[in-house]
């Protein structure tokens, strides 16, 4: 079957699968019926999934990964080098045939199959097409959520992603079985949560999770009243950069002024948000976590920030990024409350502490006032001016204001100033970097002259 909805590699994959009894299953068939682009592919076969996956990877120059040897689950990753990444999964039938396989799946709208290499119709034993037309999420069987409690979270994700409603019967099953999420690995829960954060309507999904009693499996504390609204505002700000410019969407003065002042950084913001410090988890998703774990960064909460959000099963790098970003949001509010534009030295100090997470911190700071009733335009403009100066430093004047090049090093200082190794060397180097930003020192001679004076400040004049 050919369709413009399929990724470009589909026809080649289908041709290679012709000798086998293979079925396209799950979300790909659902998206095909919804007339939306198909991004990832899942195939079910009665046998031979591992050698078939290896063959596909070899023939199409992709990466091969054995996900579960016992269950015969393998993945092929295609794309890269600037091309969109395509995940192709191969699984063995859960049962004796495709109908039994579909019966073991989660929801009727994904319990669908399409024979590969034939013009057959969609196999739909549980009326998933009907539920697609009705816009509902319905469990395939009474045991669907009991067999895998993670599907309770997935129901909410799909409802938010597709703007569907969960049937009352399935909500009852969620309430009955979600306590078993306590037995599910935190890594699986984390991955499902990040899929929610990647999709649309994250705030609505979060409220649904709270209503159904599942927010405690995801967040370090009970969801507060303002957190979904803060998350929604941050998503709205990101959408102004991630989506094509729409004058109507930027029609109110909050959005209009934001686009006017910061729109020049549209491409930089897009690139920043797409970065993945950990494969599969982007800065975009992490930024949406910031308003949800902001309270955990308060020292008054006791313990370390890492311990307080340990249930999210994040890497040390991600935890550090979140903590720095949340702190940068507070620093931005303090800096932009002073009325004057940040100086280059302020920009340097801001990013010296926060690093790359400071970019997200700037926008987290803006979220607090974005769209608030009663806020004066002049106050909003003041915030945006400060944001623009910080982003200008990071994206346009990085070598001048954020990371000035080294003119002298510790060995130079020890030799020229006749100092022994010790903490003073680091203090002098940091003072020099600040002076480079503030006064534009460029030569080694000027740097050493400055450091001699700084040393006198630190130690007093020679006796």
Protein backbone atom coordinates (compact mmCIF):
# COMPACT_ATOMS: atom_id res chain seq x y z
CA UNK A 1 0.00 0.00 0.00
CA UNK A 2 1.35 3.41 -0.93
CA UNK A 3 0.43 6.65 0.77
CA UNK A 4 1.94 10.09 1.13
CA UNK A 5 1.24 9.71 4.85
CA UNK A 6 3.94 7.06 5.21
CA UNK A 7 7.62 7.87 5.77
CA UNK A 8 9.68 7.66 2.57
CA UNK A 9 11.31 4.36 3.59
CA UNK A 10 7.98 2.53 3.89
CA UNK A 11 7.85 1.19 0.33
CA UNK A 12 11.37 -0.27 0.63
CA UNK A 13 10.52 -1.89 3.95
CA UNK A 14 7.26 -3.30 2.59
CA UNK A 15 9.09 -4.78 -0.40
CA UNK A 16 11.59 -6.52 1.89
CA UNK A 17 8.76 -7.87 4.04
CA UNK A 18 6.86 -9.47 1.15
CA UNK A 19 8.17 -13.01 1.79
CA UNK A 20 6.85 -12.90 5.37
CA UNK A 21 3.44 -12.80 7.00
CA UNK A 22 3.91 -9.29 8.33
CA UNK A 23 1.31 -6.82 9.58
CA UNK A 24 1.57 -3.12 10.20
CA UNK A 25 -0.04 -2.65 13.61
CA UNK A 26 -0.92 -0.13 16.27
CA UNK A 27 -0.43 3.62 16.06
CA UNK A 28 0.71 3.63 12.44
CA UNK A 29 -2.62 2.14 11.29
CA UNK A 30 -4.50 4.50 13.58
CA UNK A 31 -2.72 7.53 12.12
CA UNK A 32 -3.30 6.27 8.60
CA UNK A 33 -7.04 6.14 9.27
CA UNK A 34 -6.95 9.58 10.90
CA UNK A 35 -5.27 10.94 7.78
CA UNK A 36 -2.23 12.25 9.65
CA UNK A 37 1.45 11.55 8.86
CA UNK A 38 2.83 8.24 10.09
CA UNK A 39 6.14 8.78 11.89
CA UNK A 40 7.10 5.40 13.37
CA UNK A 41 6.32 1.87 12.21
CA UNK A 42 5.43 -1.27 14.17
CA UNK A 43 5.27 -4.66 12.50
CA UNK A 44 3.98 -7.91 14.00
CA UNK A 45 5.11 -11.29 12.60
CA UNK A 46 4.36 -14.88 13.66
CA UNK A 47 8.10 -15.75 13.70
CA UNK A 48 11.57 -14.60 12.68
CA UNK A 49 11.40 -11.00 13.90
CA UNK A 50 15.08 -10.81 14.87
CA UNK A 51 16.57 -12.00 11.53
CA UNK A 52 14.00 -9.90 9.65
CA UNK A 53 14.98 -6.80 11.59
CA UNK A 54 18.67 -7.50 10.90
CA UNK A 55 17.90 -7.86 7.20
CA UNK A 56 16.01 -4.54 7.10
CA UNK A 57 18.86 -2.77 8.91
CA UNK A 58 21.51 -4.24 6.60
CA UNK A 59 19.60 -3.53 3.39
CA UNK A 60 18.64 0.06 4.31
CA UNK A 61 21.78 1.05 6.20
CA UNK A 62 20.10 1.43 9.57
CA UNK A 63 21.02 0.62 13.14
CA UNK A 64 19.83 -2.66 14.64
CA UNK A 65 18.91 -3.11 18.32
CA UNK A 66 17.69 -6.23 20.10
CA UNK A 67 15.15 -4.97 22.63
CA UNK A 68 13.91 -8.25 24.13
CA UNK A 69 15.47 -11.52 23.01
CA UNK A 70 12.98 -13.69 24.91
CA UNK A 71 9.98 -11.99 23.27
CA UNK A 72 11.66 -11.54 19.91
CA UNK A 73 11.42 -7.75 19.91
CA UNK A 74 13.89 -5.80 17.78
CA UNK A 75 14.24 -2.22 16.55
CA UNK A 76 15.72 -0.67 13.44
CA UNK A 77 16.63 3.02 13.43
CA UNK A 78 16.77 4.67 10.02
CA UNK A 79 17.69 8.21 9.07
CA UNK A 80 20.29 10.46 10.64
CA UNK A 81 22.81 12.74 8.93
CA UNK A 82 20.20 15.47 8.71
CA UNK A 83 17.37 13.12 7.69
CA UNK A 84 14.37 12.53 10.01
CA UNK A 85 14.84 9.58 12.35
CA UNK A 86 12.49 6.65 11.80
CA UNK A 87 11.96 3.93 14.41
CA UNK A 88 10.84 0.56 13.04
CA UNK A 89 9.89 -2.07 15.62
CA UNK A 90 9.36 -5.79 15.01
CA UNK A 91 7.46 -7.97 17.49
CA UNK A 92 6.24 -11.54 17.60
CA UNK A 93 2.52 -12.25 17.68
CA UNK A 94 1.08 -12.24 21.19
CA UNK A 95 -0.92 -15.38 20.52
CA UNK A 96 -1.38 -17.84 17.70
CA UNK A 97 -2.51 -15.35 15.05
CA UNK A 98 -2.99 -11.66 14.34
CA UNK A 99 -6.45 -11.57 15.92
CA UNK A 100 -5.13 -12.94 19.21
CA UNK A 101 -2.26 -10.47 18.98
CA UNK A 102 -4.67 -7.54 18.64
CA UNK A 103 -6.73 -8.87 21.55
CA UNK A 104 -3.69 -8.47 23.80
CA UNK A 105 -3.20 -4.80 22.92
CA UNK A 106 -4.23 -1.80 24.99
CA UNK A 107 -6.94 0.25 23.28
CA UNK A 108 -9.36 -0.45 20.47
CA UNK A 109 -8.00 2.39 18.35
CA UNK A 110 -4.56 0.73 18.33
CA UNK A 111 -5.84 -2.87 18.10
CA UNK A 112 -5.76 -2.54 14.33
CA UNK A 113 -3.64 -4.28 11.69
CA UNK A 114 -2.94 -3.92 8.01
CA UNK A 115 -1.41 -6.77 5.96
CA UNK A 116 1.90 -5.74 4.39
CA UNK A 117 2.34 -6.22 0.65
CA UNK A 118 -1.35 -6.73 -0.06
CA UNK A 119 -4.34 -4.56 -0.76
CA UNK A 120 -6.35 -6.10 2.08
CA UNK A 121 -8.58 -4.09 4.34
CA UNK A 122 -7.80 -3.11 7.90
CA UNK A 123 -8.24 -5.93 10.42
CA UNK A 124 -10.46 -4.50 13.16
CA UNK A 125 -11.90 -7.16 15.50
CA UNK A 126 -12.64 -4.71 18.35
CA UNK A 127 -14.33 -1.88 16.42
CA UNK A 128 -11.40 0.50 16.70
CA UNK A 129 -12.43 2.31 13.51
CA UNK A 130 -15.80 3.05 15.07
CA UNK A 131 -14.11 4.46 18.18
CA UNK A 132 -11.80 6.56 16.01
CA UNK A 133 -14.84 8.07 14.35
CA UNK A 134 -16.46 8.67 17.75
CA UNK A 135 -13.27 10.16 19.22
CA UNK A 136 -13.04 7.87 22.25
CA UNK A 137 -10.34 5.92 24.08
CA UNK A 138 -11.65 2.49 25.09
CA UNK A 139 -9.71 -0.41 26.61
CA UNK A 140 -9.60 -3.43 24.31
CA UNK A 141 -10.55 -5.81 27.13
CA UNK A 142 -11.31 -5.91 30.85
CA UNK A 143 -7.74 -7.09 31.46
CA UNK A 144 -5.95 -4.58 29.23
CA UNK A 145 -4.97 -2.17 32.01
CA UNK A 146 -4.51 -4.84 34.64
CA UNK A 147 -1.99 -6.67 32.44
CA UNK A 148 0.11 -3.51 32.08
CA UNK A 149 -0.77 -0.61 34.44
CA UNK A 150 1.41 1.76 32.39
CA UNK A 151 -1.48 1.78 29.94
CA UNK A 152 -3.37 3.93 32.47
CA UNK A 153 -0.93 6.75 31.70
CA UNK A 154 -1.01 5.96 28.01
CA UNK A 155 -4.79 6.42 27.93
CA UNK A 156 -4.37 9.99 29.16
CA UNK A 157 -1.56 10.66 26.70
CA UNK A 158 -3.60 9.44 23.74
CA UNK A 159 -6.66 11.41 24.85
CA UNK A 160 -4.59 14.60 24.99
CA UNK A 161 -2.71 13.87 21.78
CA UNK A 162 -5.82 13.10 19.73
CA UNK A 163 -8.26 15.34 21.64
CA UNK A 164 -10.38 12.27 22.37
CA UNK A 165 -12.33 11.45 25.52
CA UNK A 166 -11.79 8.39 27.69
CA UNK A 167 -14.94 6.30 28.05
CA UNK A 168 -16.44 6.10 31.57
CA UNK A 169 -15.83 2.34 31.66
CA UNK A 170 -12.15 2.82 30.87
CA UNK A 171 -11.86 5.58 33.48
CA UNK A 172 -13.24 3.12 36.01
CA UNK A 173 -10.59 0.61 34.97
CA UNK A 174 -7.89 3.28 35.35
CA UNK A 175 -9.02 4.11 38.88
CA UNK A 176 -9.10 0.41 39.73
CA UNK A 177 -5.71 -0.54 38.32
CA UNK A 178 -3.49 2.58 38.56
CA UNK A 179 -2.28 1.66 42.10
CA UNK A 180 -0.32 -1.09 40.39
CA UNK A 181 1.82 1.63 38.79
CA UNK A 182 3.78 1.45 42.05
CA UNK A 183 5.15 -1.87 40.76
CA UNK A 184 6.13 -0.46 37.34
CA UNK A 185 9.74 0.65 36.88
CA UNK A 186 10.32 4.37 37.29
CA UNK A 187 12.12 4.35 33.92
CA UNK A 188 9.01 3.15 32.06
CA UNK A 189 6.85 5.72 33.88
CA UNK A 190 9.37 8.45 33.10
CA UNK A 191 9.40 7.58 29.39
CA UNK A 192 5.61 7.69 29.21
CA UNK A 193 5.57 11.02 31.06
CA UNK A 194 8.08 12.46 28.60
CA UNK A 195 5.82 11.36 25.74
CA UNK A 196 3.04 13.37 27.39
CA UNK A 197 5.36 16.38 27.61
CA UNK A 198 6.32 16.01 23.96
CA UNK A 199 2.73 15.99 22.73
CA UNK A 200 0.08 18.69 22.59
CA UNK A 201 -2.22 19.78 25.44
CA UNK A 202 0.24 18.87 28.18
CA UNK A 203 -1.60 20.92 30.80
CA UNK A 204 -4.91 19.22 30.03
CA UNK A 205 -3.20 15.83 30.29
CA UNK A 206 -1.71 16.81 33.63
CA UNK A 207 -5.11 17.83 34.98
CA UNK A 208 -6.58 14.55 33.76
CA UNK A 209 -3.80 12.62 35.51
CA UNK A 210 -4.57 14.52 38.70
CA UNK A 211 -8.31 13.94 38.41
CA UNK A 212 -7.70 10.21 37.96
CA UNK A 213 -5.27 10.13 40.88
CA UNK A 214 -2.08 9.46 38.94
CA UNK A 215 -0.07 12.68 39.33
CA UNK A 216 1.67 11.25 42.40
CA UNK A 217 3.48 8.67 40.26
CA UNK A 218 5.05 11.43 38.16
CA UNK A 219 5.65 14.49 40.32
CA UNK A 220 7.58 14.99 43.57
CA UNK A 221 4.48 16.43 45.25
CA UNK A 222 0.75 16.83 44.77
CA UNK A 223 -0.13 18.91 41.72
CA UNK A 224 -0.81 22.49 42.83
CA UNK A 225 -3.53 24.65 41.38
CA UNK A 226 -1.21 26.98 39.47
CA UNK A 227 1.22 24.45 37.96
CA UNK A 228 -0.92 23.40 34.96
CA UNK A 229 -1.52 27.07 34.13
CA UNK A 230 2.20 27.84 34.32
CA UNK A 231 2.98 24.85 32.12
CA UNK A 232 0.32 25.94 29.63
CA UNK A 233 1.78 29.46 29.43
CA UNK A 234 5.28 28.12 28.82
CA UNK A 235 3.91 25.87 26.06
CA UNK A 236 2.17 28.87 24.52
CA UNK A 237 5.41 30.85 24.52
CA UNK A 238 7.34 27.99 22.92
CA UNK A 239 4.64 27.62 20.26
CA UNK A 240 5.31 31.19 19.13
CA UNK A 241 8.82 30.06 18.19
CA UNK A 242 8.18 26.48 17.11
CA UNK A 243 5.19 27.07 14.82
CA UNK A 244 5.04 29.22 11.68
CA UNK A 245 4.45 32.87 12.49
CA UNK A 246 0.76 33.67 12.66
CA UNK A 247 -0.22 37.31 13.10
CA UNK A 248 -3.56 36.29 14.62
CA UNK A 249 -1.90 34.07 17.22
CA UNK A 250 0.35 36.97 18.20
CA UNK A 251 -2.58 39.38 18.11
CA UNK A 252 -2.83 40.29 21.80
CA UNK A 253 -0.21 42.67 23.12
CA UNK A 254 1.48 40.08 25.37
CA UNK A 255 2.29 37.81 22.45
CA UNK A 256 2.79 40.65 19.99
CA UNK A 257 5.41 42.34 22.13
CA UNK A 258 7.15 39.04 22.84
CA UNK A 259 7.40 38.21 19.14
CA UNK A 260 8.50 41.76 18.32
CA UNK A 261 11.27 41.78 20.92
CA UNK A 262 12.47 38.17 20.78
CA UNK A 263 11.29 36.88 17.40
CA UNK A 264 14.73 37.38 15.87
CA UNK A 265 15.85 34.33 17.86
CA UNK A 266 13.20 32.01 16.43
CA UNK A 267 15.71 29.67 14.76
CA UNK A 268 18.02 29.64 17.77
CA UNK A 269 15.13 28.77 20.10
CA UNK A 270 14.01 25.96 17.80
CA UNK A 271 17.50 24.49 17.68
CA UNK A 272 17.90 24.84 21.45
CA UNK A 273 14.62 23.10 22.26
CA UNK A 274 15.35 20.21 19.90
CA UNK A 275 18.67 19.34 21.57
CA UNK A 276 18.66 16.01 23.43
CA UNK A 277 21.03 15.91 26.41
CA UNK A 278 19.84 12.31 26.75
CA UNK A 279 18.68 10.48 23.60
CA UNK A 280 14.91 10.72 23.30
CA UNK A 281 14.53 13.47 25.92
CA UNK A 282 14.83 17.04 24.66
CA UNK A 283 15.32 20.44 26.25
CA UNK A 284 11.73 21.16 25.17
CA UNK A 285 10.41 18.34 27.35
CA UNK A 286 12.73 19.21 30.23
CA UNK A 287 11.68 22.86 30.11
CA UNK A 288 8.07 21.81 30.61
CA UNK A 289 9.15 19.92 33.71
CA UNK A 290 10.58 23.08 35.28
CA UNK A 291 7.29 24.62 36.47
CA UNK A 292 6.22 21.21 37.78
CA UNK A 293 9.27 20.63 39.97
CA UNK A 294 9.97 24.27 40.79
CA UNK A 295 8.84 23.82 44.38
CA UNK A 296 11.28 20.97 44.87
CA UNK A 297 14.14 23.39 44.20
CA UNK A 298 13.24 25.40 47.33
CA UNK A 299 15.87 24.68 50.00
CA UNK A 300 13.11 24.89 52.61
CA UNK A 301 11.77 21.61 51.23
CA UNK A 302 14.71 19.82 52.86
CA UNK A 303 17.20 17.42 51.33
CA UNK A 304 18.78 17.81 47.93
CA UNK A 305 16.90 18.70 44.78
CA UNK A 306 18.11 15.45 43.23
CA UNK A 307 16.61 13.43 46.08
CA UNK A 308 13.31 15.30 45.92
CA UNK A 309 12.79 14.48 42.24
CA UNK A 310 14.40 11.03 42.29
CA UNK A 311 11.10 9.42 41.28
CA UNK A 312 11.48 10.92 37.81
CA UNK A 313 14.54 8.71 37.18
CA UNK A 314 16.44 11.47 35.37
CA UNK A 315 20.14 11.48 34.62
CA UNK A 316 22.48 13.59 36.75
CA UNK A 317 22.92 15.87 33.75
CA UNK A 318 19.17 16.46 33.48
CA UNK A 319 18.78 17.05 37.21
CA UNK A 320 21.58 19.62 37.12
CA UNK A 321 20.02 21.30 34.07
CA UNK A 322 16.63 21.56 35.77
CA UNK A 323 18.06 22.95 38.99
CA UNK A 324 20.14 25.53 37.13
CA UNK A 325 17.19 26.50 34.91
CA UNK A 326 14.82 27.01 37.84
CA UNK A 327 17.43 29.07 39.66
CA UNK A 328 18.03 31.10 36.49
CA UNK A 329 14.31 31.87 36.29
CA UNK A 330 14.48 33.48 39.72
CA UNK A 331 17.73 35.28 38.85
CA UNK A 332 16.13 36.66 35.68
CA UNK A 333 13.18 38.07 37.62
CA UNK A 334 15.51 39.78 40.07
CA UNK A 335 17.74 41.14 37.31
CA UNK A 336 14.85 42.41 35.19
CA UNK A 337 13.16 44.06 38.20
CA UNK A 338 15.95 46.60 38.51
CA UNK A 339 14.66 48.68 35.60
CA UNK A 340 18.02 49.08 33.86
CA UNK A 341 19.19 46.85 31.02
CA UNK A 342 21.57 44.12 32.16
CA UNK A 343 25.21 45.06 31.64
CA UNK A 344 27.57 42.70 29.79
CA UNK A 345 28.97 41.74 33.20
CA UNK A 346 25.45 40.84 34.38
CA UNK A 347 25.04 38.63 31.33
CA UNK A 348 28.36 36.92 32.03
CA UNK A 349 27.50 36.25 35.66
CA UNK A 350 24.02 35.00 34.76
CA UNK A 351 25.29 32.35 32.34
CA UNK A 352 28.40 31.54 34.40
CA UNK A 353 26.04 30.12 37.04
CA UNK A 354 23.28 28.74 34.84
CA UNK A 355 25.08 27.69 31.64
CA UNK A 356 22.84 26.61 28.77
CA UNK A 357 19.94 26.11 31.18
CA UNK A 358 19.87 29.88 31.59
CA UNK A 359 18.16 30.17 28.21
CA UNK A 360 15.20 28.17 29.50
CA UNK A 361 15.38 30.12 32.76
CA UNK A 362 14.81 33.39 30.89
CA UNK A 363 11.56 32.08 29.45
CA UNK A 364 10.53 30.49 32.75
CA UNK A 365 10.87 33.94 34.29
CA UNK A 366 8.71 35.47 31.57
CA UNK A 367 5.98 32.86 32.12
CA UNK A 368 5.16 34.29 35.54
CA UNK A 369 3.67 37.41 33.96
CA UNK A 370 2.70 36.14 30.52
CA UNK A 371 -0.95 36.96 29.91
CA UNK A 372 -1.63 38.15 33.45
CA UNK A 373 -4.57 40.48 33.90
CA UNK A 374 -3.67 43.93 35.16
CA UNK A 375 -0.03 43.86 34.09
CA UNK A 376 1.08 47.14 32.58
CA UNK A 377 2.64 47.12 29.13
CA UNK A 378 5.67 49.00 30.40
CA UNK A 379 6.41 46.29 32.97
CA UNK A 380 6.17 43.60 30.30
CA UNK A 381 8.41 45.61 27.96
CA UNK A 382 10.99 45.94 30.76
CA UNK A 383 11.05 42.17 31.20
CA UNK A 384 11.37 41.61 27.46
CA UNK A 385 14.22 44.10 27.13
CA UNK A 386 16.15 42.26 29.83
CA UNK A 387 15.40 38.93 28.13
CA UNK A 388 16.59 40.23 24.79
CA UNK A 389 19.86 41.46 26.28
CA UNK A 390 20.56 38.10 27.89
CA UNK A 391 19.70 36.18 24.71
CA UNK A 392 21.77 38.61 22.64
CA UNK A 393 24.72 37.84 24.87
CA UNK A 394 24.21 34.10 24.55
CA UNK A 395 23.47 33.88 20.83
CA UNK A 396 25.20 36.91 19.31
CA UNK A 397 28.02 37.95 21.64
CA UNK A 398 28.93 34.68 23.28
CA UNK A 399 32.71 35.16 22.96
CA UNK A 400 32.47 38.71 24.32
CA UNK A 401 29.93 38.43 27.14
CA UNK A 402 29.51 34.76 28.06
CA UNK A 403 32.77 32.89 27.41
CA UNK A 404 35.63 35.29 26.64
CA UNK A 405 38.78 33.61 25.32
CA UNK A 406 41.67 32.92 27.67
CA UNK A 407 44.45 35.49 27.39
CA UNK A 408 46.72 34.07 30.08
CA UNK A 409 46.54 30.81 32.00
CA UNK A 410 47.46 29.67 35.48
CA UNK A 411 51.03 28.89 34.50
CA UNK A 412 51.47 32.41 33.13
CA UNK A 413 50.16 33.89 36.38
CA UNK A 414 52.46 31.74 38.53
CA UNK A 415 55.48 32.64 36.42
CA UNK A 416 54.86 36.35 35.88
CA UNK A 417 53.49 37.16 39.34
CA UNK A 418 55.71 34.67 41.16
CA UNK A 419 52.83 32.87 42.84
CA UNK A 420 52.55 29.34 44.13
CA UNK A 421 49.69 27.07 43.00
CA UNK A 422 46.56 27.56 45.07
CA UNK A 423 43.00 28.94 45.12
CA UNK A 424 44.20 32.49 44.46
CA UNK A 425 45.10 31.46 40.92
CA UNK A 426 41.49 30.54 40.20
CA UNK A 427 40.23 33.74 41.82
CA UNK A 428 42.58 35.82 39.69
CA UNK A 429 41.55 34.05 36.48
CA UNK A 430 37.88 34.63 37.27
CA UNK A 431 38.53 38.30 38.03
CA UNK A 432 40.32 38.59 34.68
CA UNK A 433 37.42 37.03 32.79
CA UNK A 434 35.04 39.52 34.38
CA UNK A 435 37.36 42.38 33.46
CA UNK A 436 37.56 41.11 29.87
CA UNK A 437 33.77 41.33 29.67
CA UNK A 438 33.47 44.66 31.49
CA UNK A 439 36.48 46.52 30.06
CA UNK A 440 37.42 44.63 26.91
CA UNK A 441 40.96 43.58 27.84
CA UNK A 442 42.50 41.84 24.82
CA UNK A 443 46.29 41.53 25.28
CA UNK A 444 48.39 39.46 27.65
CA UNK A 445 50.30 42.57 28.76
CA UNK A 446 47.11 44.36 29.76
CA UNK A 447 45.85 41.21 31.45
CA UNK A 448 48.97 40.84 33.59
CA UNK A 449 48.91 44.54 34.48
CA UNK A 450 45.31 44.16 35.65
CA UNK A 451 46.18 41.04 37.65
CA UNK A 452 49.06 42.80 39.43
CA UNK A 453 46.63 45.43 40.61
CA UNK A 454 44.10 42.79 41.59
CA UNK A 455 46.73 40.93 43.59
CA UNK A 456 47.46 44.09 45.56
CA UNK A 457 43.72 44.40 46.29
CA UNK A 458 43.66 40.83 47.55
CA UNK A 459 46.91 40.83 49.56
CA UNK A 460 47.56 44.50 50.25
CA UNK A 461 50.58 46.50 49.04
CA UNK A 462 54.01 44.94 49.53
CA UNK A 463 55.74 45.88 52.75
